């Protein structure tokens, strides 16, 4: 599973503005010749995962 696949699998957990931002960044990266599993895409996945984790922590308080 590529980083893009993983992003797609958690996309439903992200608020629309966050999803749009990550999507734009990944799209720009791919448009300039980047690959779906490059470190930059993994960085975006890490950001999205941290966001989801933080949302879960806040909702459980």
PDB file of N, CA and C in Angstrom:
ATOM      1  N   UNK A   1       0.841  -1.171   0.000  1.00  0.00           N
ATOM      2  CA  UNK A   1       0.000   0.000   0.000  1.00  0.00           C
ATOM      3  C   UNK A   1       0.894   1.244   0.000  1.00  0.00           C
ATOM      4  N   UNK A   2       0.656   2.143  -0.935  1.00  0.00           N
ATOM      5  CA  UNK A   2       1.456   3.371  -1.008  1.00  0.00           C
ATOM      6  C   UNK A   2       0.963   4.372   0.029  1.00  0.00           C
ATOM      7  N   UNK A   3       1.757   5.404   0.244  1.00  0.00           N
ATOM      8  CA  UNK A   3       1.351   6.478   1.156  1.00  0.00           C
ATOM      9  C   UNK A   3       0.056   7.128   0.672  1.00  0.00           C
ATOM     10  N   UNK A   4      -0.108   7.248  -0.622  1.00  0.00           N
ATOM     11  CA  UNK A   4      -1.346   7.823  -1.183  1.00  0.00           C
ATOM     12  C   UNK A   4      -2.537   6.921  -0.861  1.00  0.00           C
ATOM     13  N   UNK A   5      -2.348   5.614  -0.943  1.00  0.00           N
ATOM     14  CA  UNK A   5      -3.421   4.676  -0.591  1.00  0.00           C
ATOM     15  C   UNK A   5      -3.804   4.834   0.876  1.00  0.00           C
ATOM     16  N   UNK A   6      -2.799   4.980   1.723  1.00  0.00           N
ATOM     17  CA  UNK A   6      -3.058   5.154   3.151  1.00  0.00           C
ATOM     18  C   UNK A   6      -3.794   6.467   3.409  1.00  0.00           C
ATOM     19  N   UNK A   7      -3.395   7.523   2.708  1.00  0.00           N
ATOM     20  CA  UNK A   7      -4.109   8.798   2.835  1.00  0.00           C
ATOM     21  C   UNK A   7      -5.570   8.634   2.436  1.00  0.00           C
ATOM     22  N   UNK A   8      -5.796   7.943   1.355  1.00  0.00           N
ATOM     23  CA  UNK A   8      -7.170   7.722   0.894  1.00  0.00           C
ATOM     24  C   UNK A   8      -7.979   6.959   1.936  1.00  0.00           C
ATOM     25  N   UNK A   9      -7.334   6.029   2.638  1.00  0.00           N
ATOM     26  CA  UNK A   9      -8.057   5.210   3.613  1.00  0.00           C
ATOM     27  C   UNK A   9      -8.460   5.986   4.868  1.00  0.00           C
ATOM     28  N   UNK A  10      -7.791   7.117   5.159  1.00  0.00           N
ATOM     29  CA  UNK A  10      -8.167   7.914   6.331  1.00  0.00           C
ATOM     30  C   UNK A  10      -8.826   9.237   5.939  1.00  0.00           C
ATOM     31  N   UNK A  11      -8.990   9.469   4.667  1.00  0.00           N
ATOM     32  CA  UNK A  11      -9.510  10.759   4.193  1.00  0.00           C
ATOM     33  C   UNK A  11     -10.868  11.098   4.789  1.00  0.00           C
ATOM     34  N   UNK A  12     -11.698  10.099   5.042  1.00  0.00           N
ATOM     35  CA  UNK A  12     -13.028  10.347   5.606  1.00  0.00           C
ATOM     36  C   UNK A  12     -12.973  10.856   7.051  1.00  0.00           C
ATOM     37  N   UNK A  13     -11.821  10.744   7.690  1.00  0.00           N
ATOM     38  CA  UNK A  13     -11.657  11.200   9.071  1.00  0.00           C
ATOM     39  C   UNK A  13     -11.168  12.644   9.167  1.00  0.00           C
ATOM     40  N   UNK A  14     -10.825  13.232   8.031  1.00  0.00           N
ATOM     41  CA  UNK A  14     -10.268  14.586   8.010  1.00  0.00           C
ATOM     42  C   UNK A  14     -11.344  15.619   7.680  1.00  0.00           C
ATOM     43  N   UNK A  15     -11.323  16.757   8.367  1.00  0.00           N
ATOM     44  CA  UNK A  15     -12.230  17.845   7.978  1.00  0.00           C
ATOM     45  C   UNK A  15     -11.896  18.305   6.556  1.00  0.00           C
ATOM     46  N   UNK A  16     -12.889  18.793   5.864  1.00  0.00           N
ATOM     47  CA  UNK A  16     -12.712  19.176   4.463  1.00  0.00           C
ATOM     48  C   UNK A  16     -11.538  20.126   4.227  1.00  0.00           C
ATOM     49  N   UNK A  17     -11.350  21.187   5.022  1.00  0.00           N
ATOM     50  CA  UNK A  17     -10.212  22.088   4.751  1.00  0.00           C
ATOM     51  C   UNK A  17      -8.848  21.378   4.858  1.00  0.00           C
ATOM     52  N   UNK A  18      -8.731  20.467   5.802  1.00  0.00           N
ATOM     53  CA  UNK A  18      -7.473  19.720   5.957  1.00  0.00           C
ATOM     54  C   UNK A  18      -7.288  18.783   4.772  1.00  0.00           C
ATOM     55  N   UNK A  19      -8.336  18.083   4.408  1.00  0.00           N
ATOM     56  CA  UNK A  19      -8.276  17.174   3.261  1.00  0.00           C
ATOM     57  C   UNK A  19      -7.931  17.917   1.981  1.00  0.00           C
ATOM     58  N   UNK A  20      -8.551  19.077   1.777  1.00  0.00           N
ATOM     59  CA  UNK A  20      -8.259  19.867   0.576  1.00  0.00           C
ATOM     60  C   UNK A  20      -6.793  20.306   0.549  1.00  0.00           C
ATOM     61  N   UNK A  21      -6.260  20.708   1.699  1.00  0.00           N
ATOM     62  CA  UNK A  21      -4.869  21.146   1.770  1.00  0.00           C
ATOM     63  C   UNK A  21      -3.916  20.001   1.450  1.00  0.00           C
ATOM     64  N   UNK A  22      -4.123  18.853   2.080  1.00  0.00           N
ATOM     65  CA  UNK A  22      -3.261  17.689   1.839  1.00  0.00           C
ATOM     66  C   UNK A  22      -3.388  17.253   0.379  1.00  0.00           C
ATOM     67  N   UNK A  23      -4.607  17.251  -0.136  1.00  0.00           N
ATOM     68  CA  UNK A  23      -4.836  16.871  -1.532  1.00  0.00           C
ATOM     69  C   UNK A  23      -4.097  17.810  -2.496  1.00  0.00           C
ATOM     70  N   UNK A  24      -4.176  19.104  -2.225  1.00  0.00           N
ATOM     71  CA  UNK A  24      -3.496  20.089  -3.081  1.00  0.00           C
ATOM     72  C   UNK A  24      -1.980  19.879  -3.053  1.00  0.00           C
ATOM     73  N   UNK A  25      -1.454  19.694  -1.857  1.00  0.00           N
ATOM     74  CA  UNK A  25      -0.007  19.500  -1.720  1.00  0.00           C
ATOM     75  C   UNK A  25       0.458  18.239  -2.451  1.00  0.00           C
ATOM     76  N   UNK A  26      -0.285  17.148  -2.268  1.00  0.00           N
ATOM     77  CA  UNK A  26       0.079  15.895  -2.936  1.00  0.00           C
ATOM     78  C   UNK A  26      -0.079  16.024  -4.448  1.00  0.00           C
ATOM     79  N   UNK A  27      -1.158  16.654  -4.873  1.00  0.00           N
ATOM     80  CA  UNK A  27      -1.378  16.852  -6.309  1.00  0.00           C
ATOM     81  C   UNK A  27      -0.280  17.676  -6.947  1.00  0.00           C
ATOM     82  N   UNK A  28       0.135  18.738  -6.266  1.00  0.00           N
ATOM     83  CA  UNK A  28       1.230  19.574  -6.773  1.00  0.00           C
ATOM     84  C   UNK A  28       2.512  18.770  -6.869  1.00  0.00           C
ATOM     85  N   UNK A  29       2.758  17.956  -5.852  1.00  0.00           N
ATOM     86  CA  UNK A  29       3.974  17.125  -5.826  1.00  0.00           C
ATOM     87  C   UNK A  29       3.980  16.156  -7.017  1.00  0.00           C
ATOM     88  N   UNK A  30       2.873  15.486  -7.210  1.00  0.00           N
ATOM     89  CA  UNK A  30       2.783  14.510  -8.300  1.00  0.00           C
ATOM     90  C   UNK A  30       2.870  15.196  -9.665  1.00  0.00           C
ATOM     91  N   UNK A  31       2.295  16.395  -9.775  1.00  0.00           N
ATOM     92  CA  UNK A  31       2.317  17.135 -11.036  1.00  0.00           C
ATOM     93  C   UNK A  31       3.728  17.547 -11.434  1.00  0.00           C
ATOM     94  N   UNK A  32       4.611  17.691 -10.454  1.00  0.00           N
ATOM     95  CA  UNK A  32       5.995  18.087 -10.753  1.00  0.00           C
ATOM     96  C   UNK A  32       6.920  16.886 -10.912  1.00  0.00           C
ATOM     97  N   UNK A  33       6.334  15.691 -10.984  1.00  0.00           N
ATOM     98  CA  UNK A  33       7.136  14.504 -11.242  1.00  0.00           C
ATOM     99  C   UNK A  33       7.394  13.628 -10.038  1.00  0.00           C
ATOM    100  N   UNK A  34       6.839  14.002  -8.888  1.00  0.00           N
ATOM    101  CA  UNK A  34       7.014  13.182  -7.694  1.00  0.00           C
ATOM    102  C   UNK A  34       6.251  11.875  -7.815  1.00  0.00           C
ATOM    103  N   UNK A  35       6.600  10.954  -6.966  1.00  0.00           N
ATOM    104  CA  UNK A  35       5.971   9.630  -6.956  1.00  0.00           C
ATOM    105  C   UNK A  35       5.076   9.475  -5.738  1.00  0.00           C
ATOM    106  N   UNK A  36       4.116   8.545  -5.823  1.00  0.00           N
ATOM    107  CA  UNK A  36       3.135   8.335  -4.760  1.00  0.00           C
ATOM    108  C   UNK A  36       3.733   7.871  -3.444  1.00  0.00           C
ATOM    109  N   UNK A  37       4.941   7.341  -3.465  1.00  0.00           N
ATOM    110  CA  UNK A  37       5.546   6.820  -2.241  1.00  0.00           C
ATOM    111  C   UNK A  37       6.808   7.591  -1.841  1.00  0.00           C
ATOM    112  N   UNK A  38       6.955   8.803  -2.364  1.00  0.00           N
ATOM    113  CA  UNK A  38       8.109   9.641  -2.008  1.00  0.00           C
ATOM    114  C   UNK A  38       8.011  10.112  -0.559  1.00  0.00           C
ATOM    115  N   UNK A  39       9.141  10.474   0.035  1.00  0.00           N
ATOM    116  CA  UNK A  39       9.132  10.968   1.417  1.00  0.00           C
ATOM    117  C   UNK A  39       8.172  12.142   1.640  1.00  0.00           C
ATOM    118  N   UNK A  40       8.015  13.010   0.662  1.00  0.00           N
ATOM    119  CA  UNK A  40       7.107  14.144   0.827  1.00  0.00           C
ATOM    120  C   UNK A  40       5.676  13.670   1.036  1.00  0.00           C
ATOM    121  N   UNK A  41       5.257  12.651   0.321  1.00  0.00           N
ATOM    122  CA  UNK A  41       3.906  12.120   0.480  1.00  0.00           C
ATOM    123  C   UNK A  41       3.781  11.448   1.844  1.00  0.00           C
ATOM    124  N   UNK A  42       4.831  10.783   2.289  1.00  0.00           N
ATOM    125  CA  UNK A  42       4.830  10.196   3.629  1.00  0.00           C
ATOM    126  C   UNK A  42       4.720  11.290   4.697  1.00  0.00           C
ATOM    127  N   UNK A  43       5.334  12.429   4.447  1.00  0.00           N
ATOM    128  CA  UNK A  43       5.231  13.567   5.363  1.00  0.00           C
ATOM    129  C   UNK A  43       3.776  14.033   5.461  1.00  0.00           C
ATOM    130  N   UNK A  44       3.089  14.105   4.336  1.00  0.00           N
ATOM    131  CA  UNK A  44       1.682  14.502   4.331  1.00  0.00           C
ATOM    132  C   UNK A  44       0.827  13.461   5.062  1.00  0.00           C
ATOM    133  N   UNK A  45       1.147  12.195   4.880  1.00  0.00           N
ATOM    134  CA  UNK A  45       0.442  11.120   5.575  1.00  0.00           C
ATOM    135  C   UNK A  45       0.662  11.237   7.083  1.00  0.00           C
ATOM    136  N   UNK A  46       1.882  11.510   7.496  1.00  0.00           N
ATOM    137  CA  UNK A  46       2.175  11.673   8.917  1.00  0.00           C
ATOM    138  C   UNK A  46       1.370  12.826   9.505  1.00  0.00           C
ATOM    139  N   UNK A  47       1.321  13.937   8.786  1.00  0.00           N
ATOM    140  CA  UNK A  47       0.524  15.084   9.237  1.00  0.00           C
ATOM    141  C   UNK A  47      -0.938  14.679   9.412  1.00  0.00           C
ATOM    142  N   UNK A  48      -1.489  14.012   8.416  1.00  0.00           N
ATOM    143  CA  UNK A  48      -2.897  13.609   8.461  1.00  0.00           C
ATOM    144  C   UNK A  48      -3.145  12.651   9.626  1.00  0.00           C
ATOM    145  N   UNK A  49      -2.247  11.707   9.840  1.00  0.00           N
ATOM    146  CA  UNK A  49      -2.392  10.771  10.956  1.00  0.00           C
ATOM    147  C   UNK A  49      -2.327  11.480  12.298  1.00  0.00           C
ATOM    148  N   UNK A  50      -1.415  12.444  12.440  1.00  0.00           N
ATOM    149  CA  UNK A  50      -1.333  13.214  13.687  1.00  0.00           C
ATOM    150  C   UNK A  50      -2.612  14.012  13.902  1.00  0.00           C
ATOM    151  N   UNK A  51      -3.152  14.578  12.850  1.00  0.00           N
ATOM    152  CA  UNK A  51      -4.392  15.347  12.951  1.00  0.00           C
ATOM    153  C   UNK A  51      -5.531  14.456  13.432  1.00  0.00           C
ATOM    154  N   UNK A  52      -5.663  13.287  12.837  1.00  0.00           N
ATOM    155  CA  UNK A  52      -6.722  12.348  13.221  1.00  0.00           C
ATOM    156  C   UNK A  52      -6.547  11.928  14.679  1.00  0.00           C
ATOM    157  N   UNK A  53      -5.325  11.621  15.064  1.00  0.00           N
ATOM    158  CA  UNK A  53      -5.045  11.208  16.442  1.00  0.00           C
ATOM    159  C   UNK A  53      -5.419  12.318  17.423  1.00  0.00           C
ATOM    160  N   UNK A  54      -5.048  13.543  17.102  1.00  0.00           N
ATOM    161  CA  UNK A  54      -5.357  14.679  17.973  1.00  0.00           C
ATOM    162  C   UNK A  54      -6.874  14.888  18.074  1.00  0.00           C
ATOM    163  N   UNK A  55      -7.585  14.748  16.979  1.00  0.00           N
ATOM    164  CA  UNK A  55      -9.039  14.887  17.009  1.00  0.00           C
ATOM    165  C   UNK A  55      -9.672  13.845  17.927  1.00  0.00           C
ATOM    166  N   UNK A  56      -9.157  12.621  17.873  1.00  0.00           N
ATOM    167  CA  UNK A  56      -9.688  11.559  18.741  1.00  0.00           C
ATOM    168  C   UNK A  56      -9.416  11.870  20.198  1.00  0.00           C
ATOM    169  N   UNK A  57      -8.228  12.397  20.491  1.00  0.00           N
ATOM    170  CA  UNK A  57      -7.894  12.738  21.873  1.00  0.00           C
ATOM    171  C   UNK A  57      -8.822  13.830  22.387  1.00  0.00           C
ATOM    172  N   UNK A  58      -9.080  14.827  21.584  1.00  0.00           N
ATOM    173  CA  UNK A  58      -9.928  15.948  21.983  1.00  0.00           C
ATOM    174  C   UNK A  58     -11.371  15.482  22.180  1.00  0.00           C
ATOM    175  N   UNK A  59     -11.832  14.607  21.316  1.00  0.00           N
ATOM    176  CA  UNK A  59     -13.235  14.160  21.409  1.00  0.00           C
ATOM    177  C   UNK A  59     -13.469  13.231  22.605  1.00  0.00           C
ATOM    178  N   UNK A  60     -12.408  12.652  23.143  1.00  0.00           N
ATOM    179  CA  UNK A  60     -12.546  11.759  24.296  1.00  0.00           C
ATOM    180  C   UNK A  60     -12.419  12.491  25.628  1.00  0.00           C
ATOM    181  N   UNK A  61     -12.218  13.779  25.598  1.00  0.00           N
ATOM    182  CA  UNK A  61     -12.081  14.536  26.849  1.00  0.00           C
ATOM    183  C   UNK A  61     -13.423  15.007  27.336  1.00  0.00           C
TER     184      UNK A  61
END
